[in-house]
Amino acid sequence: MKNKHRQAILDQGLDIKNLDSDPLIQLSKWLECANQAGIRYPGAMSLATTDFSGSPTQRMVMLREISADGLVFFTSLSSNKAEHIKRHSQVSVLFPWHMLERQVVIRGCAEKIAKNKVLKAFLSRSDMSQTSAWLSDQNSPVTSRGLIEAKLNEIRDNAKNGKLGMPAFWGGYMIKPESVEFWQTGKDGINDRILYRKDQAGWILERLNP
C-alpha cells in the first residue's frame, strides 16, 4: 500500500502552473511535505564538492536555514568539504526523499557566512548540538572511540563551568542556487522533471524529458 502522502503526490502530479515562481519557496513547500510525511531528517542533503584534482566527493549535511538568497549549512572549517569549497566554490546538493519518490537537485556557488552570523546560529543550538560541534575538528586521526568519548566528557565539564563558546574552527556556508531541479515519479512510468534556471531576468521554469 502506498504512503498516503505519496498517493496524494501521484494523484496531483507535477505541473509548472502549480509551482511557485521562486524555487526556494517551492523547496520549502516540499520540505514541509516531507516533514508531514514523517521522514526523519527531511533537511538532510547530500553535498557534492570537488577536490584539487577534480575528483568528486559526497557527504550528508543538514540544511539549517533557507533564506531568500540560498541554503545555509554549518561545518568545521578544517573539514574536507571546507577545503574543497575554498578551492572550487561550485557545489551541488541532493535532497533524497525516497519514501515520497521525490528528489531535488541544486547547483550553485557556496559562500562563507560572516562569523557574527555563525556565532548567532551557534548560540541558538541545543547544548548537545554545541558539544557535538566541538567534536567536529575533522580530518585528525584518532586511535580509538574511547579518546573521543573522553574528549566529549571534557567538553561537557567545560560547559558546566561556563567555558564553552564557539570553536574557532566552526563556520557556515550559504549555497546560492543557479539551477534547481524538482523530480518525482509520475503516472504510467513517466517521471516528472521541472528545472528552474537563473538568468538576468530571474528564474525560468522548464519541463525536462523523463
Protein backbone atom coordinates (compact mmCIF):
# COMPACT_ATOMS: atom_id res chain seq x y z
CA MET A 1 0.00 0.00 0.00
CA LYS A 2 1.36 3.39 -0.93
CA ASN A 3 2.03 6.01 1.71
CA LYS A 4 -0.98 8.37 1.77
CA HIS A 5 1.28 11.37 1.20
CA ARG A 6 2.90 9.65 -1.77
CA GLN A 7 -0.52 8.75 -3.22
CA ALA A 8 -1.66 12.37 -2.96
CA ILE A 9 1.52 13.46 -4.75
CA LEU A 10 0.96 10.90 -7.50
CA ASP A 11 -2.67 11.97 -7.95
CA GLN A 12 -1.74 15.65 -8.16
CA GLY A 13 1.22 15.20 -10.50
CA LEU A 14 3.87 17.84 -11.08
CA ASP A 15 2.93 20.75 -13.31
CA ILE A 16 4.69 24.07 -13.82
CA LYS A 17 1.46 26.01 -13.36
CA ASN A 18 1.15 24.64 -9.80
CA LEU A 19 4.70 25.55 -8.76
CA ASP A 20 5.93 28.74 -7.13
CA SER A 21 7.98 31.02 -9.37
CA ASP A 22 10.74 31.00 -6.71
CA PRO A 23 12.49 27.61 -6.38
CA LEU A 24 13.47 28.23 -2.76
CA ILE A 25 9.85 28.81 -1.79
CA GLN A 26 8.91 25.65 -3.68
CA LEU A 27 11.69 23.77 -1.89
CA SER A 28 10.30 24.95 1.46
CA LYS A 29 6.91 23.51 0.49
CA TRP A 30 8.43 20.16 -0.41
CA LEU A 31 10.43 20.14 2.83
CA GLU A 32 7.24 20.69 4.81
CA CYS A 33 5.56 17.87 2.90
CA ALA A 34 8.49 15.57 3.73
CA ASN A 35 8.23 16.57 7.37
CA GLN A 36 4.48 15.91 7.49
CA ALA A 37 5.06 12.52 5.86
CA GLY A 38 7.20 11.55 8.85
CA ILE A 39 10.54 11.47 7.06
CA ARG A 40 13.32 11.61 9.62
CA TYR A 41 15.68 14.50 8.97
CA PRO A 42 13.93 15.88 5.87
CA GLY A 43 16.61 18.59 5.74
CA ALA A 44 19.44 16.09 5.30
CA MET A 45 21.11 16.77 1.96
CA SER A 46 23.98 15.16 0.07
CA LEU A 47 26.62 17.80 -0.63
CA ALA A 48 28.95 17.20 -3.58
CA THR A 49 32.27 19.02 -3.88
CA THR A 50 35.44 18.51 -5.91
CA ASP A 51 38.98 18.30 -4.57
CA PHE A 52 42.12 19.90 -6.01
CA SER A 53 42.45 17.10 -8.58
CA GLY A 54 38.84 17.42 -9.74
CA SER A 55 37.65 14.22 -8.04
CA PRO A 56 34.09 14.48 -6.67
CA THR A 57 33.16 13.69 -3.08
CA GLN A 58 29.77 13.49 -1.37
CA ARG A 59 28.65 13.58 2.23
CA MET A 60 25.43 14.30 4.12
CA VAL A 61 24.99 17.68 5.80
CA MET A 62 21.99 19.25 7.49
CA LEU A 63 20.15 22.18 5.98
CA ARG A 64 19.84 24.77 8.76
CA GLU A 65 18.09 27.63 7.01
CA ILE A 66 16.51 28.68 3.73
CA SER A 67 16.64 32.40 3.07
CA ALA A 68 15.76 34.48 0.04
CA ASP A 69 19.39 34.16 -1.05
CA GLY A 70 20.08 30.48 -0.57
CA LEU A 71 20.61 27.43 1.63
CA VAL A 72 22.66 27.53 4.83
CA PHE A 73 24.66 24.76 6.49
CA PHE A 74 27.37 24.72 9.16
CA THR A 75 30.52 22.65 9.43
CA SER A 76 34.09 22.51 10.61
CA LEU A 77 36.35 24.78 8.56
CA SER A 78 39.03 22.09 8.87
CA SER A 79 36.86 19.56 7.02
CA ASN A 80 37.49 18.28 3.51
CA LYS A 81 34.33 19.98 2.29
CA ALA A 82 35.57 23.36 3.55
CA GLU A 83 38.94 22.84 1.87
CA HIS A 84 37.23 21.85 -1.37
CA ILE A 85 34.94 24.89 -1.33
CA LYS A 86 37.93 27.15 -0.71
CA ARG A 87 39.50 25.87 -3.95
CA HIS A 88 36.33 25.45 -6.00
CA SER A 89 33.12 27.07 -4.77
CA GLN A 90 30.76 25.36 -7.23
CA VAL A 91 28.78 22.65 -5.41
CA SER A 92 25.69 20.52 -5.80
CA VAL A 93 23.23 19.23 -3.20
CA LEU A 94 20.61 16.50 -3.38
CA PHE A 95 17.55 16.02 -1.17
CA PRO A 96 16.63 12.31 -1.50
CA TRP A 97 13.09 11.75 -0.21
CA HIS A 98 12.75 8.09 -1.23
CA MET A 99 9.52 7.47 0.68
CA LEU A 100 7.79 10.19 -1.34
CA GLU A 101 9.60 9.21 -4.56
CA ARG A 102 10.83 12.77 -4.84
CA GLN A 103 14.19 14.46 -5.08
CA VAL A 104 15.58 17.96 -5.54
CA VAL A 105 18.99 18.70 -7.07
CA ILE A 106 20.52 22.15 -6.59
CA ARG A 107 23.64 23.51 -8.25
CA GLY A 108 25.25 26.75 -7.21
CA CYS A 109 28.07 28.61 -5.51
CA ALA A 110 28.93 28.20 -1.81
CA GLU A 111 30.00 31.34 0.05
CA LYS A 112 31.31 31.54 3.59
CA ILE A 113 28.97 33.20 6.11
CA ALA A 114 30.13 36.11 8.28
CA LYS A 115 31.47 35.00 11.67
CA ASN A 116 28.93 37.05 13.66
CA LYS A 117 26.07 35.23 11.91
CA VAL A 118 27.73 31.87 12.54
CA LEU A 119 28.07 32.75 16.23
CA LYS A 120 24.42 33.79 16.49
CA ALA A 121 23.34 30.50 14.93
CA PHE A 122 25.73 28.53 17.16
CA LEU A 123 24.38 30.08 20.35
CA SER A 124 20.84 29.17 19.30
CA ARG A 125 21.75 25.47 19.10
CA SER A 126 20.93 22.97 21.83
CA ASP A 127 23.61 22.06 24.39
CA MET A 128 24.03 18.67 22.73
CA SER A 129 24.44 20.25 19.32
CA GLN A 130 27.03 22.72 20.65
CA THR A 131 29.11 19.98 22.26
CA SER A 132 28.90 17.93 19.05
CA ALA A 133 30.34 20.88 17.13
CA TRP A 134 33.40 20.79 19.39
CA LEU A 135 34.00 17.19 18.29
CA SER A 136 33.96 18.22 14.63
CA ASP A 137 37.61 19.28 14.26
CA GLN A 138 37.70 16.88 11.34
CA ASN A 139 40.42 15.00 9.46
CA SER A 140 42.50 14.48 12.60
CA PRO A 141 43.19 10.73 13.04
CA VAL A 142 42.22 9.21 16.39
CA THR A 143 43.32 5.82 17.70
CA SER A 144 40.08 4.83 19.44
CA ARG A 145 36.49 5.79 20.10
CA GLY A 146 37.38 5.94 23.79
CA LEU A 147 39.52 9.01 23.19
CA ILE A 148 36.57 10.73 21.51
CA GLU A 149 34.32 9.87 24.45
CA ALA A 150 36.92 11.23 26.87
CA LYS A 151 37.08 14.46 24.89
CA LEU A 152 33.28 14.67 24.96
CA ASN A 153 33.27 14.37 28.75
CA GLU A 154 35.90 17.13 28.95
CA ILE A 155 33.77 19.37 26.73
CA ARG A 156 30.73 18.72 28.93
CA ASP A 157 32.71 19.62 32.05
CA ASN A 158 33.80 22.88 30.43
CA ALA A 159 30.19 23.61 29.53
CA LYS A 160 29.14 23.14 33.16
CA ASN A 161 31.81 25.63 34.21
CA GLY A 162 30.58 28.15 31.67
CA LYS A 163 33.70 27.86 29.50
CA LEU A 164 32.06 26.54 26.35
CA GLY A 165 31.94 29.01 23.48
CA MET A 166 32.03 28.56 19.73
CA PRO A 167 35.02 26.62 18.37
CA ALA A 168 37.44 28.73 16.31
CA PHE A 169 37.19 26.14 13.53
CA TRP A 170 33.38 26.37 13.28
CA GLY A 171 31.87 28.10 10.25
CA GLY A 172 28.98 28.19 7.84
CA TYR A 173 28.20 28.45 4.15
CA MET A 174 25.36 29.71 2.03
CA ILE A 175 24.71 27.92 -1.25
CA LYS A 176 23.37 30.43 -3.77
CA PRO A 177 21.46 28.38 -6.35
CA GLU A 178 21.96 28.75 -10.08
CA SER A 179 19.71 25.84 -11.05
CA VAL A 180 17.17 23.75 -9.13
CA GLU A 181 15.58 20.56 -10.47
CA PHE A 182 12.45 19.06 -8.91
CA TRP A 183 11.88 15.39 -9.73
CA GLN A 184 9.17 12.93 -8.80
CA THR A 185 7.84 9.67 -10.15
CA GLY A 186 4.72 10.01 -12.26
CA LYS A 187 1.86 8.01 -13.67
CA ASP A 188 2.36 5.47 -16.45
CA GLY A 189 6.09 5.34 -15.75
CA ILE A 190 6.59 8.95 -16.91
CA ASN A 191 8.68 10.72 -14.30
CA ASP A 192 8.26 14.47 -13.90
CA ARG A 193 11.26 16.83 -14.02
CA ILE A 194 10.92 20.59 -13.66
CA LEU A 195 14.05 22.73 -13.92
CA TYR A 196 14.47 26.25 -12.58
CA ARG A 197 17.44 28.01 -14.16
CA LYS A 198 18.56 31.51 -13.34
CA ASP A 199 19.20 34.27 -15.86
CA GLN A 200 19.48 38.05 -15.59
CA ALA A 201 15.70 38.49 -15.52
CA GLY A 202 15.07 35.92 -12.80
CA TRP A 203 14.06 32.27 -12.82
CA ILE A 204 13.00 30.35 -15.93
CA LEU A 205 10.96 27.16 -15.47
CA GLU A 206 11.24 24.32 -17.96
CA ARG A 207 9.91 20.79 -18.16
CA LEU A 208 12.60 18.23 -18.97
CA ASN A 209 12.27 14.82 -20.58
CA PRO A 210 11.94 11.99 -18.03
